[in-house]
Amino acid sequence: MSEENKAYYRRFIDEVINKKNVALIDELVAPDYIEHDDVPGLPANRDGLKQLIGMMFSGFPDHQTATDDLVAEGDTVVGRHTTTGTHKGEFMGIPATGKQVTVAEIHIVRIVNGKAVEHWGQVDELGMMQQLGVVPAG
């Protein structure tokens, strides 16, 4: 099952994130999906995931995610990524800066019957804010 779950995870990153096919979320994410790394103001479910991804695409239209490492065991997949993009639109209330960012991310996804049912994530949000000039480096 681990190899199938890795293939699922790669497909999500490639098609939903890098090719911006948000419509595919309904096929790949369970209706009762739980987001453990919830964003204030967004529901911690599949609809919140769609909203967050939409916000990311609006703020960083050239957004791309490269998978650096992928590990799977049982029903869980862990991915370490490097995400890049140019801040060309509003993101989380921050007006476009035109600055490019490179952000480190780690995501843990539990997959059941070919669909994501839970997600935990760690994104270097402080580093991103420093690169955008919103928070001083240091």
Protein backbone atom coordinates (compact mmCIF):
# COMPACT_ATOMS: atom_id res chain seq x y z
CA MET A 1 0.00 0.00 0.00
CA SER A 2 2.90 2.37 0.66
CA GLU A 3 3.90 2.57 -3.02
CA GLU A 4 0.29 3.24 -4.04
CA ASN A 5 0.08 6.00 -1.45
CA LYS A 6 3.32 7.54 -2.71
CA ALA A 7 1.85 7.53 -6.23
CA TYR A 8 -1.30 9.21 -4.89
CA TYR A 9 0.80 11.86 -3.12
CA ARG A 10 2.91 12.56 -6.23
CA ARG A 11 -0.29 12.92 -8.27
CA PHE A 12 -1.72 15.42 -5.78
CA ILE A 13 1.45 17.55 -5.87
CA ASP A 14 1.81 17.33 -9.65
CA GLU A 15 -1.79 17.80 -10.75
CA VAL A 16 -3.44 19.84 -7.98
CA ILE A 17 -0.52 21.96 -6.80
CA ASN A 18 1.79 22.34 -9.81
CA LYS A 19 -0.82 22.16 -12.59
CA LYS A 20 -3.37 24.06 -10.48
CA ASN A 21 -6.20 21.57 -11.03
CA VAL A 22 -8.26 22.45 -7.95
CA ALA A 23 -11.28 20.55 -9.34
CA LEU A 24 -9.36 17.31 -8.73
CA ILE A 25 -9.51 17.87 -4.96
CA ASP A 26 -13.00 16.33 -4.77
CA GLU A 27 -11.64 13.14 -6.34
CA LEU A 28 -8.48 12.95 -4.20
CA VAL A 29 -9.66 14.21 -0.80
CA ALA A 30 -12.34 12.50 1.32
CA PRO A 31 -15.50 14.48 2.18
CA ASP A 32 -14.73 14.02 5.90
CA TYR A 33 -11.09 15.15 5.52
CA ILE A 34 -9.54 16.73 8.63
CA GLU A 35 -6.93 19.50 8.39
CA HIS A 36 -4.74 19.52 11.51
CA ASP A 37 -2.68 22.53 10.33
CA ASP A 38 -5.70 24.76 10.01
CA VAL A 39 -5.53 28.40 9.00
CA PRO A 40 -7.45 30.95 11.11
CA GLY A 41 -10.65 31.91 9.32
CA LEU A 42 -10.76 28.76 7.17
CA PRO A 43 -12.65 25.58 8.01
CA ALA A 44 -10.39 22.62 8.90
CA ASN A 45 -11.92 20.43 6.20
CA ARG A 46 -11.90 19.82 2.45
CA ASP A 47 -13.56 23.17 1.70
CA GLY A 48 -10.90 24.95 3.76
CA LEU A 49 -8.20 23.11 1.81
CA LYS A 50 -9.73 24.33 -1.46
CA GLN A 51 -9.87 27.89 -0.14
CA LEU A 52 -6.25 27.80 1.07
CA ILE A 53 -4.97 26.42 -2.22
CA GLY A 54 -6.98 29.04 -4.11
CA MET A 55 -5.48 31.80 -1.95
CA MET A 56 -2.00 30.42 -2.59
CA PHE A 57 -2.57 30.38 -6.35
CA SER A 58 -3.93 33.96 -6.28
CA GLY A 59 -1.00 35.25 -4.27
CA PHE A 60 1.69 33.23 -6.05
CA PRO A 61 0.39 32.43 -9.56
CA ASP A 62 3.72 30.90 -10.65
CA HIS A 63 3.84 28.73 -7.51
CA GLN A 64 5.67 25.40 -7.96
CA THR A 65 6.46 22.64 -5.48
CA ALA A 66 9.37 20.23 -5.85
CA THR A 67 9.37 17.04 -3.79
CA ASP A 68 12.75 16.59 -2.12
CA ASP A 69 11.95 13.44 -0.09
CA LEU A 70 8.99 11.09 0.10
CA VAL A 71 8.54 8.39 2.74
CA ALA A 72 5.54 6.11 3.20
CA GLU A 73 4.58 3.54 5.76
CA GLY A 74 1.17 1.96 6.08
CA ASP A 75 -1.51 4.55 5.35
CA THR A 76 0.78 7.56 5.92
CA VAL A 77 2.99 9.49 3.50
CA VAL A 78 5.50 12.18 4.51
CA GLY A 79 6.80 14.63 1.93
CA ARG A 80 9.55 17.23 2.26
CA HIS A 81 9.26 19.97 -0.33
CA THR A 82 10.75 23.16 -1.64
CA THR A 83 8.14 25.60 -2.88
CA THR A 84 8.93 28.66 -4.98
CA GLY A 85 6.81 31.49 -6.28
CA THR A 86 6.54 35.20 -6.97
CA HIS A 87 4.20 37.24 -4.79
CA LYS A 88 2.08 38.83 -7.52
CA GLY A 89 -1.27 39.00 -5.74
CA GLU A 90 -2.69 39.50 -2.26
CA PHE A 91 -1.93 36.63 0.09
CA MET A 92 -3.22 36.41 3.68
CA GLY A 93 -3.95 40.15 3.63
CA ILE A 94 -0.49 41.06 2.33
CA PRO A 95 -0.55 43.11 -0.89
CA ALA A 96 1.65 41.88 -3.75
CA THR A 97 5.33 42.64 -3.25
CA GLY A 98 6.69 41.21 -6.50
CA LYS A 99 9.28 39.31 -4.45
CA GLN A 100 10.24 35.71 -5.07
CA VAL A 101 10.17 33.25 -2.20
CA THR A 102 11.62 29.81 -1.56
CA VAL A 103 9.85 27.98 1.25
CA ALA A 104 10.64 24.67 2.98
CA GLU A 105 7.64 22.47 3.78
CA ILE A 106 6.93 19.09 5.36
CA HIS A 107 3.53 17.43 4.94
CA ILE A 108 2.11 14.29 6.48
CA VAL A 109 -0.97 12.81 4.82
CA ARG A 110 -3.02 9.82 5.91
CA ILE A 111 -4.62 8.08 2.94
CA VAL A 112 -7.53 5.64 3.11
CA ASN A 113 -9.05 4.00 0.02
CA GLY A 114 -7.12 6.31 -2.30
CA LYS A 115 -8.21 9.56 -0.64
CA ALA A 116 -6.57 11.90 1.83
CA VAL A 117 -8.41 11.77 5.15
CA GLU A 118 -6.01 13.76 7.37
CA HIS A 119 -3.16 16.24 6.91
CA TRP A 120 -0.52 17.74 9.18
CA GLY A 121 1.95 20.28 7.85
CA GLN A 122 4.90 22.44 8.79
CA VAL A 123 5.66 25.34 6.48
CA ASP A 124 8.43 27.88 7.05
CA GLU A 125 5.96 30.75 7.22
CA LEU A 126 8.39 32.97 9.14
CA GLY A 127 11.01 32.52 6.41
CA MET A 128 8.42 33.35 3.77
CA MET A 129 7.35 36.51 5.62
CA GLN A 130 10.99 37.55 5.96
CA GLN A 131 11.55 37.04 2.23
CA LEU A 132 8.45 39.15 1.50
CA GLY A 133 9.83 41.90 3.76
CA VAL A 134 6.81 41.74 6.09
CA VAL A 135 8.89 40.55 9.06
CA PRO A 136 12.48 41.67 9.64
CA ALA A 137 15.14 39.02 9.13
CA GLY A 138 17.18 38.26 12.08
